[in-house]
Amino acid sequence: MLGRQGDLARPQAGLATLCEGGRLAGDLVSLAKDRQEGEALLRPAMRGGRCLSDNPDLAAARNHANDQLVRLPEPLARLEPYTYPAEISASLRELTAELDHRAGTDGTPA
């Protein structure tokens, strides 16, 4: 038995890692308790059924999109084929292996 849901480590949605010049260099999915270098890809929008912030107006949303576009790796900015690196942290892999072991599976999707 895996126990109550609160006993499980909470995954973090992911982190964007930055290289020199502020361009995006890759993503990392890790446990929320892990302290990793990078910038959160997702931020909470609601808590307790309440919005945490106001929605940005159109100009603010447009500015944010433009700011993010200039951070893309050069090939992506030019719409060329590119394999963007994304990794799973060691601690998340270990937790997954432990849960697979407890569940009696090898981790292979059915």
C-alpha atoms as a PDB file:
ATOM      1  CA  MET A   1       0.000   0.000   0.000  1.00  0.00           C
ATOM      2  CA  LEU A   2       1.348   3.413  -0.932  1.00  0.00           C
ATOM      3  CA  GLY A   3      -0.175   5.227   2.015  1.00  0.00           C
ATOM      4  CA  ARG A   4      -2.065   8.466   2.071  1.00  0.00           C
ATOM      5  CA  GLN A   5      -1.616  10.863  -0.795  1.00  0.00           C
ATOM      6  CA  GLY A   6       0.025  13.380   1.559  1.00  0.00           C
ATOM      7  CA  ASP A   7       2.824  10.884   2.208  1.00  0.00           C
ATOM      8  CA  LEU A   8       4.000  11.045  -1.378  1.00  0.00           C
ATOM      9  CA  ALA A   9       6.558  13.561  -2.561  1.00  0.00           C
ATOM     10  CA  ARG A  10       4.981  16.285  -4.659  1.00  0.00           C
ATOM     11  CA  PRO A  11       6.458  16.705  -8.145  1.00  0.00           C
ATOM     12  CA  GLN A  12       7.292  20.147  -9.394  1.00  0.00           C
ATOM     13  CA  ALA A  13       6.016  20.909 -12.866  1.00  0.00           C
ATOM     14  CA  GLY A  14       9.443  21.759 -14.164  1.00  0.00           C
ATOM     15  CA  LEU A  15      12.185  24.278 -14.367  1.00  0.00           C
ATOM     16  CA  ALA A  16      13.594  26.087 -17.344  1.00  0.00           C
ATOM     17  CA  THR A  17      17.349  26.303 -17.185  1.00  0.00           C
ATOM     18  CA  LEU A  18      19.072  29.317 -18.630  1.00  0.00           C
ATOM     19  CA  CYS A  19      22.367  29.637 -20.396  1.00  0.00           C
ATOM     20  CA  GLU A  20      24.447  32.742 -20.951  1.00  0.00           C
ATOM     21  CA  GLY A  21      22.555  35.600 -22.476  1.00  0.00           C
ATOM     22  CA  GLY A  22      19.308  34.470 -20.847  1.00  0.00           C
ATOM     23  CA  ARG A  23      18.318  31.987 -23.571  1.00  0.00           C
ATOM     24  CA  LEU A  24      16.514  28.820 -22.575  1.00  0.00           C
ATOM     25  CA  ALA A  25      18.859  25.832 -22.414  1.00  0.00           C
ATOM     26  CA  GLY A  26      16.581  22.972 -21.303  1.00  0.00           C
ATOM     27  CA  ASP A  27      13.938  21.869 -18.814  1.00  0.00           C
ATOM     28  CA  LEU A  28      14.129  19.774 -15.649  1.00  0.00           C
ATOM     29  CA  VAL A  29      11.217  18.001 -13.923  1.00  0.00           C
ATOM     30  CA  SER A  30      12.009  17.487 -10.250  1.00  0.00           C
ATOM     31  CA  LEU A  31      10.424  17.093  -6.849  1.00  0.00           C
ATOM     32  CA  ALA A  32       9.114  20.292  -5.305  1.00  0.00           C
ATOM     33  CA  LYS A  33      11.353  19.740  -2.264  1.00  0.00           C
ATOM     34  CA  ASP A  34      14.479  19.707  -4.451  1.00  0.00           C
ATOM     35  CA  ARG A  35      16.219  23.032  -4.773  1.00  0.00           C
ATOM     36  CA  GLN A  36      17.296  23.353  -8.396  1.00  0.00           C
ATOM     37  CA  GLU A  37      18.713  26.171 -10.455  1.00  0.00           C
ATOM     38  CA  GLY A  38      16.250  27.575 -12.942  1.00  0.00           C
ATOM     39  CA  GLU A  39      12.934  29.282 -13.359  1.00  0.00           C
ATOM     40  CA  ALA A  40       9.563  27.675 -12.607  1.00  0.00           C
ATOM     41  CA  LEU A  41       7.654  26.810 -15.770  1.00  0.00           C
ATOM     42  CA  LEU A  42       4.279  26.848 -14.020  1.00  0.00           C
ATOM     43  CA  ARG A  43       3.048  28.961 -11.167  1.00  0.00           C
ATOM     44  CA  PRO A  44       0.002  28.349  -8.966  1.00  0.00           C
ATOM     45  CA  ALA A  45      -3.078  30.127 -10.310  1.00  0.00           C
ATOM     46  CA  MET A  46      -5.571  29.155  -7.607  1.00  0.00           C
ATOM     47  CA  ARG A  47      -5.479  28.140  -3.975  1.00  0.00           C
ATOM     48  CA  GLY A  48      -8.467  27.245  -1.850  1.00  0.00           C
ATOM     49  CA  GLY A  49     -10.781  27.972  -4.787  1.00  0.00           C
ATOM     50  CA  ARG A  50      -9.531  31.552  -5.139  1.00  0.00           C
ATOM     51  CA  CYS A  51      -7.489  33.174  -7.879  1.00  0.00           C
ATOM     52  CA  LEU A  52      -4.020  34.174  -6.729  1.00  0.00           C
ATOM     53  CA  SER A  53      -3.663  37.067  -9.150  1.00  0.00           C
ATOM     54  CA  ASP A  54      -5.566  39.105 -11.695  1.00  0.00           C
ATOM     55  CA  ASN A  55      -5.419  38.165 -15.343  1.00  0.00           C
ATOM     56  CA  PRO A  56      -3.007  40.357 -17.308  1.00  0.00           C
ATOM     57  CA  ASP A  57      -4.452  42.724 -19.872  1.00  0.00           C
ATOM     58  CA  LEU A  58      -3.781  42.125 -23.576  1.00  0.00           C
ATOM     59  CA  ALA A  59      -0.741  44.428 -23.698  1.00  0.00           C
ATOM     60  CA  ALA A  60       0.892  42.691 -20.717  1.00  0.00           C
ATOM     61  CA  ALA A  61       0.210  39.249 -22.220  1.00  0.00           C
ATOM     62  CA  ARG A  62       1.681  40.369 -25.555  1.00  0.00           C
ATOM     63  CA  ASN A  63       4.791  41.776 -23.843  1.00  0.00           C
ATOM     64  CA  HIS A  64       5.275  38.564 -21.880  1.00  0.00           C
ATOM     65  CA  ALA A  65       4.991  36.468 -25.062  1.00  0.00           C
ATOM     66  CA  ASN A  66       7.533  38.675 -26.842  1.00  0.00           C
ATOM     67  CA  ASP A  67       9.919  38.470 -23.874  1.00  0.00           C
ATOM     68  CA  GLN A  68       9.693  34.678 -23.937  1.00  0.00           C
ATOM     69  CA  LEU A  69      10.187  34.410 -27.707  1.00  0.00           C
ATOM     70  CA  VAL A  70      13.553  36.180 -27.573  1.00  0.00           C
ATOM     71  CA  ARG A  71      14.718  33.600 -25.010  1.00  0.00           C
ATOM     72  CA  LEU A  72      14.205  30.636 -27.346  1.00  0.00           C
ATOM     73  CA  PRO A  73      17.290  28.794 -28.610  1.00  0.00           C
ATOM     74  CA  GLU A  74      18.333  30.167 -32.007  1.00  0.00           C
ATOM     75  CA  PRO A  75      17.062  27.175 -34.070  1.00  0.00           C
ATOM     76  CA  LEU A  76      13.627  27.345 -32.422  1.00  0.00           C
ATOM     77  CA  ALA A  77      13.443  31.085 -32.952  1.00  0.00           C
ATOM     78  CA  ARG A  78      14.078  30.441 -36.670  1.00  0.00           C
ATOM     79  CA  LEU A  79      11.469  27.607 -36.664  1.00  0.00           C
ATOM     80  CA  GLU A  80      14.142  25.054 -37.562  1.00  0.00           C
ATOM     81  CA  PRO A  81      14.123  21.461 -36.287  1.00  0.00           C
ATOM     82  CA  TYR A  82      15.637  21.274 -32.829  1.00  0.00           C
ATOM     83  CA  THR A  83      15.603  18.791 -29.968  1.00  0.00           C
ATOM     84  CA  TYR A  84      15.021  20.790 -26.814  1.00  0.00           C
ATOM     85  CA  PRO A  85      16.621  19.017 -23.846  1.00  0.00           C
ATOM     86  CA  ALA A  86      14.314  17.946 -21.034  1.00  0.00           C
ATOM     87  CA  GLU A  87      15.420  15.837 -18.068  1.00  0.00           C
ATOM     88  CA  ILE A  88      13.906  14.058 -15.083  1.00  0.00           C
ATOM     89  CA  SER A  89      15.823  14.629 -11.829  1.00  0.00           C
ATOM     90  CA  ALA A  90      17.581  11.733 -10.098  1.00  0.00           C
ATOM     91  CA  SER A  91      15.366  12.111  -7.004  1.00  0.00           C
ATOM     92  CA  LEU A  92      12.193  11.866  -9.099  1.00  0.00           C
ATOM     93  CA  ARG A  93      13.563   8.784 -10.910  1.00  0.00           C
ATOM     94  CA  GLU A  94      14.374   7.193  -7.530  1.00  0.00           C
ATOM     95  CA  LEU A  95      10.892   7.933  -6.189  1.00  0.00           C
ATOM     96  CA  THR A  96       9.314   6.487  -9.334  1.00  0.00           C
ATOM     97  CA  ALA A  97      11.394   3.302  -9.024  1.00  0.00           C
ATOM     98  CA  GLU A  98      10.441   2.972  -5.342  1.00  0.00           C
ATOM     99  CA  LEU A  99       6.725   3.387  -6.090  1.00  0.00           C
ATOM    100  CA  ASP A 100       6.939   0.925  -8.997  1.00  0.00           C
ATOM    101  CA  HIS A 101       8.634  -1.555  -6.655  1.00  0.00           C
ATOM    102  CA  ARG A 102       5.938  -1.101  -3.983  1.00  0.00           C
ATOM    103  CA  ALA A 103       3.236  -1.549  -6.606  1.00  0.00           C
ATOM    104  CA  GLY A 104       4.923  -4.689  -7.949  1.00  0.00           C
ATOM    105  CA  THR A 105       5.471  -3.274 -11.446  1.00  0.00           C
ATOM    106  CA  ASP A 106       8.560  -2.606 -13.498  1.00  0.00           C
ATOM    107  CA  GLY A 107       7.423   0.884 -14.537  1.00  0.00           C
ATOM    108  CA  THR A 108       6.509  -0.145 -18.079  1.00  0.00           C
ATOM    109  CA  PRO A 109       3.172   1.370 -19.164  1.00  0.00           C
ATOM    110  CA  ALA A 110       0.402  -1.161 -19.720  1.00  0.00           C
END
